[in-house]
C-alpha atoms as a PDB file:
ATOM      1  CA  MET A   1      22.095  35.449 -44.798  1.00  0.00           C
ATOM      2  CA  LEU A   2      21.232  34.159 -41.336  1.00  0.00           C
ATOM      3  CA  LYS A   3      20.240  36.877 -38.890  1.00  0.00           C
ATOM      4  CA  ASN A   4      18.852  34.918 -35.939  1.00  0.00           C
ATOM      5  CA  VAL A   5      18.853  31.198 -35.256  1.00  0.00           C
ATOM      6  CA  LEU A   6      16.731  29.786 -32.439  1.00  0.00           C
ATOM      7  CA  VAL A   7      18.118  26.588 -30.894  1.00  0.00           C
ATOM      8  CA  PRO A   8      15.777  24.737 -28.514  1.00  0.00           C
ATOM      9  CA  LEU A   9      17.738  22.775 -25.899  1.00  0.00           C
ATOM     10  CA  ASP A  10      16.710  19.969 -23.552  1.00  0.00           C
ATOM     11  CA  GLY A  11      19.930  19.570 -21.574  1.00  0.00           C
ATOM     12  CA  SER A  12      21.185  16.620 -23.624  1.00  0.00           C
ATOM     13  CA  LYS A  13      24.567  16.450 -25.335  1.00  0.00           C
ATOM     14  CA  LEU A  14      22.778  15.472 -28.546  1.00  0.00           C
ATOM     15  CA  ALA A  15      20.844  18.751 -28.573  1.00  0.00           C
ATOM     16  CA  GLU A  16      24.100  20.673 -28.032  1.00  0.00           C
ATOM     17  CA  VAL A  17      25.895  19.109 -31.038  1.00  0.00           C
ATOM     18  CA  VAL A  18      24.597  21.858 -33.348  1.00  0.00           C
ATOM     19  CA  LEU A  19      25.841  24.738 -31.188  1.00  0.00           C
ATOM     20  CA  GLU A  20      29.482  25.052 -32.212  1.00  0.00           C
ATOM     21  CA  PRO A  21      28.947  24.674 -35.961  1.00  0.00           C
ATOM     22  CA  MET A  22      26.056  27.144 -35.832  1.00  0.00           C
ATOM     23  CA  ALA A  23      28.081  29.629 -33.747  1.00  0.00           C
ATOM     24  CA  SER A  24      30.905  29.399 -36.281  1.00  0.00           C
ATOM     25  CA  LEU A  25      28.527  30.040 -39.182  1.00  0.00           C
ATOM     26  CA  LEU A  26      26.854  32.961 -37.422  1.00  0.00           C
ATOM     27  CA  ALA A  27      30.232  34.491 -36.599  1.00  0.00           C
ATOM     28  CA  LYS A  28      30.777  34.817 -40.369  1.00  0.00           C
ATOM     29  CA  THR A  29      27.355  36.345 -41.039  1.00  0.00           C
ATOM     30  CA  GLY A  30      27.081  38.530 -37.937  1.00  0.00           C
ATOM     31  CA  GLY A  31      23.903  36.763 -36.862  1.00  0.00           C
ATOM     32  CA  THR A  32      22.569  36.016 -33.406  1.00  0.00           C
ATOM     33  CA  LEU A  33      22.238  32.623 -31.770  1.00  0.00           C
ATOM     34  CA  THR A  34      19.300  32.371 -29.355  1.00  0.00           C
ATOM     35  CA  LEU A  35      19.464  29.476 -26.887  1.00  0.00           C
ATOM     36  CA  VAL A  36      16.084  28.377 -25.469  1.00  0.00           C
ATOM     37  CA  HIS A  37      15.259  25.970 -22.655  1.00  0.00           C
ATOM     38  CA  ALA A  38      11.657  25.311 -21.630  1.00  0.00           C
ATOM     39  CA  VAL A  39      10.549  24.753 -18.064  1.00  0.00           C
ATOM     40  CA  THR A  40       7.625  22.352 -18.246  1.00  0.00           C
ATOM     41  CA  PRO A  41       5.232  22.148 -15.338  1.00  0.00           C
ATOM     42  CA  GLY A  42       4.459  18.627 -14.164  1.00  0.00           C
ATOM     43  CA  ARG A  43       2.576  16.947 -11.362  1.00  0.00           C
ATOM     44  CA  GLN A  44       5.230  17.783  -8.809  1.00  0.00           C
ATOM     45  CA  PHE A  45       4.516  21.466  -9.486  1.00  0.00           C
ATOM     46  CA  LEU A  46       1.077  21.258  -7.922  1.00  0.00           C
ATOM     47  CA  LEU A  47       2.505  21.813  -4.447  1.00  0.00           C
ATOM     48  CA  ASN A  48       4.771  24.795  -3.956  1.00  0.00           C
ATOM     49  CA  ALA A  49       4.488  25.526  -7.662  1.00  0.00           C
ATOM     50  CA  ARG A  50       6.019  28.977  -7.528  1.00  0.00           C
ATOM     51  CA  ALA A  51       9.162  27.843  -5.689  1.00  0.00           C
ATOM     52  CA  LEU A  52       9.626  24.870  -8.021  1.00  0.00           C
ATOM     53  CA  VAL A  53       9.175  26.934 -11.174  1.00  0.00           C
ATOM     54  CA  GLN A  54      11.631  29.541  -9.876  1.00  0.00           C
ATOM     55  CA  ARG A  55      14.171  26.811  -9.071  1.00  0.00           C
ATOM     56  CA  GLU A  56      13.732  25.292 -12.552  1.00  0.00           C
ATOM     57  CA  ARG A  57      14.085  28.715 -14.183  1.00  0.00           C
ATOM     58  CA  ARG A  58      17.337  29.322 -12.274  1.00  0.00           C
ATOM     59  CA  HIS A  59      18.611  25.884 -13.313  1.00  0.00           C
ATOM     60  CA  SER A  60      17.715  26.594 -16.956  1.00  0.00           C
ATOM     61  CA  ALA A  61      19.285  30.052 -16.857  1.00  0.00           C
ATOM     62  CA  ASP A  62      22.517  28.634 -15.403  1.00  0.00           C
ATOM     63  CA  TYR A  63      22.570  25.909 -18.085  1.00  0.00           C
ATOM     64  CA  LEU A  64      22.133  28.438 -20.916  1.00  0.00           C
ATOM     65  CA  ALA A  65      24.714  30.804 -19.384  1.00  0.00           C
ATOM     66  CA  ARG A  66      27.296  27.996 -19.317  1.00  0.00           C
ATOM     67  CA  LEU A  67      26.593  27.208 -22.974  1.00  0.00           C
ATOM     68  CA  ALA A  68      26.746  30.871 -23.952  1.00  0.00           C
ATOM     69  CA  GLU A  69      30.058  31.272 -22.143  1.00  0.00           C
ATOM     70  CA  ARG A  70      31.443  28.203 -23.923  1.00  0.00           C
ATOM     71  CA  LEU A  71      30.400  29.615 -27.304  1.00  0.00           C
ATOM     72  CA  GLY A  72      31.340  33.218 -26.506  1.00  0.00           C
ATOM     73  CA  ASP A  73      34.780  33.151 -28.092  1.00  0.00           C
ATOM     74  CA  GLN A  74      33.333  32.056 -31.463  1.00  0.00           C
ATOM     75  CA  GLY A  75      31.959  35.493 -32.207  1.00  0.00           C
ATOM     76  CA  PRO A  76      28.183  35.473 -32.758  1.00  0.00           C
ATOM     77  CA  GLY A  77      25.818  37.440 -30.615  1.00  0.00           C
ATOM     78  CA  ILE A  78      24.275  34.992 -28.176  1.00  0.00           C
ATOM     79  CA  GLN A  79      20.936  35.407 -26.424  1.00  0.00           C
ATOM     80  CA  GLU A  80      19.522  33.185 -23.707  1.00  0.00           C
ATOM     81  CA  ARG A  81      15.801  32.588 -23.124  1.00  0.00           C
ATOM     82  CA  VAL A  82      14.028  30.460 -20.537  1.00  0.00           C
ATOM     83  CA  VAL A  83      10.377  29.864 -21.315  1.00  0.00           C
ATOM     84  CA  GLU A  84       7.557  28.143 -19.453  1.00  0.00           C
ATOM     85  CA  GLY A  85       5.196  25.773 -21.116  1.00  0.00           C
END
């Protein structure tokens, strides 16, 4: 039985293909779908790093919230996580 499935996302449609089938499966098992998007520091983060990281975290959180809302009617518990690294 699946209890928690972690799905790493990069913003591409290809990465999102798994979401609806997995949400459907987890709705049957009562599991949780955890959506993860990583904010990766790059060279542009050297200046004003804190503001850029915060902006990227907001962008990632909005992206995951939209996906969670889209999947919400399929039944599984959905968690959203934005990580740095």
